[in-house]
Protein backbone atom coordinates (compact mmCIF):
# COMPACT_ATOMS: atom_id res chain seq x y z
CA MET A 1 -13.18 -10.88 0.96
CA GLY A 2 -14.62 -9.80 4.32
CA ALA A 3 -18.23 -8.57 5.16
CA ALA A 4 -19.05 -5.28 3.39
CA VAL A 5 -18.65 -2.32 5.67
CA LYS A 6 -21.79 -0.12 6.22
CA TYR A 7 -21.86 3.51 5.75
CA ASP A 8 -24.14 3.94 9.03
CA GLU A 9 -21.42 2.02 10.97
CA VAL A 10 -18.47 4.30 10.43
CA GLU A 11 -17.61 7.73 11.88
CA VAL A 12 -15.28 10.39 10.93
CA GLY A 13 -12.11 9.77 13.00
CA GLN A 14 -12.53 5.98 13.16
CA GLU A 15 -9.37 4.09 12.81
CA ILE A 16 -8.79 1.26 10.69
CA PRO A 17 -6.25 -1.05 12.37
CA ALA A 18 -2.85 -1.57 10.72
CA VAL A 19 -1.84 -4.50 8.79
CA ASP A 20 1.60 -5.69 7.92
CA TYR A 21 2.45 -6.81 4.40
CA ARG A 22 5.77 -8.70 3.97
CA VAL A 23 7.76 -8.10 0.76
CA ARG A 24 10.55 -10.40 -0.11
CA ARG A 25 12.80 -10.36 -3.38
CA LEU A 26 10.66 -13.19 -4.81
CA ASP A 27 7.62 -10.85 -4.54
CA LEU A 28 9.44 -8.22 -6.39
CA VAL A 29 10.36 -10.76 -9.19
CA MET A 30 6.79 -11.80 -9.61
CA TYR A 31 5.61 -8.32 -9.60
CA ALA A 32 8.05 -7.47 -12.26
CA GLY A 33 6.86 -10.37 -14.47
CA ALA A 34 3.14 -9.19 -13.77
CA SER A 35 3.80 -5.36 -14.52
CA GLY A 36 6.62 -5.74 -17.08
CA ASP A 37 8.79 -3.32 -14.99
CA PHE A 38 12.13 -5.24 -14.98
CA ASN A 39 14.13 -2.20 -13.85
CA GLN A 40 17.25 -3.80 -12.24
CA ILE A 41 16.93 -1.71 -8.99
CA HIS A 42 14.07 -4.06 -8.28
CA TRP A 43 16.02 -7.28 -8.39
CA ASN A 44 19.74 -6.85 -8.90
CA GLU A 45 21.59 -5.78 -5.59
CA ARG A 46 24.81 -4.95 -7.41
CA PHE A 47 23.15 -2.60 -9.94
CA ALA A 48 20.99 -0.94 -7.17
CA ARG A 49 23.90 -0.17 -5.05
CA MET A 50 25.91 1.06 -8.27
CA VAL A 51 23.24 3.64 -8.88
CA GLY A 52 23.39 4.89 -5.29
CA LEU A 53 20.61 2.96 -3.59
CA PRO A 54 21.10 1.09 -0.27
CA ASP A 55 19.81 -2.12 -1.80
CA VAL A 56 17.26 -3.42 -3.88
CA ILE A 57 14.08 -1.44 -3.52
CA ALA A 58 10.27 -2.47 -4.06
CA HIS A 59 8.49 -1.01 -6.97
CA GLY A 60 6.65 2.06 -6.12
CA MET A 61 3.49 0.68 -7.55
CA TYR A 62 3.75 -2.53 -5.58
CA THR A 63 3.90 -0.44 -2.58
CA MET A 64 1.00 1.36 -3.67
CA ALA A 65 -0.95 -1.84 -4.33
CA GLN A 66 -0.44 -2.93 -0.69
CA ALA A 67 -2.21 0.19 0.36
CA GLY A 68 -4.85 -0.55 -2.10
CA ARG A 69 -5.26 -4.06 -0.86
CA PHE A 70 -5.74 -2.64 2.61
CA VAL A 71 -8.71 -0.61 1.44
CA THR A 72 -10.27 -3.28 -0.52
CA ASP A 73 -9.89 -5.81 2.26
CA TRP A 74 -11.36 -3.40 4.70
CA ALA A 75 -14.29 -2.44 2.52
CA GLY A 76 -15.00 -6.11 1.85
CA ASP A 77 -15.54 -5.32 -2.03
CA PRO A 78 -12.63 -4.48 -4.53
CA GLY A 79 -15.15 -2.74 -6.65
CA ALA A 80 -16.05 -0.34 -3.85
CA VAL A 81 -13.00 1.95 -4.39
CA VAL A 82 -13.96 4.61 -6.69
CA ASP A 83 -10.85 6.88 -6.36
CA PHE A 84 -7.28 6.08 -5.08
CA GLY A 85 -4.17 8.22 -4.95
CA VAL A 86 -0.87 8.35 -3.38
CA ARG A 87 2.58 10.12 -3.52
CA PHE A 88 5.63 8.14 -3.21
CA SER A 89 7.86 9.65 -0.23
CA SER A 90 10.31 6.99 0.55
CA MET A 91 11.59 3.65 -0.67
CA VAL A 92 11.01 0.26 0.66
CA VAL A 93 14.34 -1.39 0.88
CA VAL A 94 14.16 -5.07 0.54
CA PRO A 95 16.97 -7.21 1.99
CA ASP A 96 18.08 -10.58 0.57
CA ASP A 97 17.08 -12.66 3.48
CA ASP A 98 14.18 -14.68 4.60
CA ARG A 99 12.36 -11.72 6.32
CA GLY A 100 12.52 -9.12 3.46
CA ALA A 101 10.78 -5.94 4.41
CA THR A 102 7.46 -5.15 6.03
CA ILE A 103 5.09 -2.37 4.69
CA THR A 104 2.51 -1.35 7.38
CA VAL A 105 -0.79 0.25 6.33
CA SER A 106 -3.21 1.78 8.53
CA GLY A 107 -6.12 4.21 7.88
CA VAL A 108 -8.55 6.62 9.33
CA VAL A 109 -12.13 7.68 8.16
CA GLU A 110 -11.50 11.36 7.19
CA ASP A 111 -14.80 12.27 5.89
CA LYS A 112 -18.19 11.00 5.06
CA LEU A 113 -19.63 12.09 1.70
CA PRO A 114 -22.94 11.94 0.10
CA ASP A 115 -24.20 8.80 -1.68
CA LYS A 116 -22.54 6.46 1.20
CA ARG A 117 -18.95 7.48 0.14
CA VAL A 118 -16.09 7.95 2.56
CA VAL A 119 -12.52 9.33 2.25
CA ILE A 120 -9.89 7.13 4.01
CA GLY A 121 -6.61 8.54 4.82
CA LEU A 122 -3.93 6.02 4.72
CA THR A 123 -0.53 5.75 6.21
CA ALA A 124 2.06 3.44 4.83
CA THR A 125 5.49 2.86 6.46
CA SER A 126 8.55 0.56 6.27
CA GLY A 127 10.80 0.61 9.03
CA ASP A 128 10.95 4.15 10.43
CA ALA A 129 10.09 5.69 6.99
CA ARG A 130 6.78 6.85 5.72
CA VAL A 131 6.80 5.52 2.09
CA LEU A 132 3.46 6.86 1.05
CA SER A 133 2.14 10.45 1.40
CA LYS A 134 -1.02 12.03 0.73
CA ALA A 135 -2.47 8.55 0.34
CA ARG A 136 -6.30 8.75 0.07
CA ALA A 137 -9.08 6.45 -1.02
CA VAL A 138 -12.86 7.17 -1.63
CA VAL A 139 -14.80 4.27 -0.99
CA GLN A 140 -18.56 3.52 -1.88
CA LEU A 141 -20.02 1.66 1.18
CA ALA A 142 -23.23 -0.33 1.51
């Protein structure tokens, strides 16, 4: 956990630098075990292609979790996130190789609210695709 961000030290429009999160097939298998979501599109390439997907895809909630991780790492306190929501706008295709895929998450402080809360707008991409839209977090700062 990093140092807690102070409300007085952030400004509207302030950018939060992008972070890359690598996702490999093994990550998807471990996530399936943790979440109970064993849908074959997340681990079986043959099945994924049979249903019209380009390859195995990451769970939407796994992708959302990486955006949540970005926010909690920035805030320095996982308990600081008081509201978090996204819409899924594209898939994270995960090839069966050593590199896997990359989810890149960045943010911007969109608003400063009363009670030392801020609204963070998030951008999450994989390759050229924006994988989350309307991604926002409300964070309680020190």
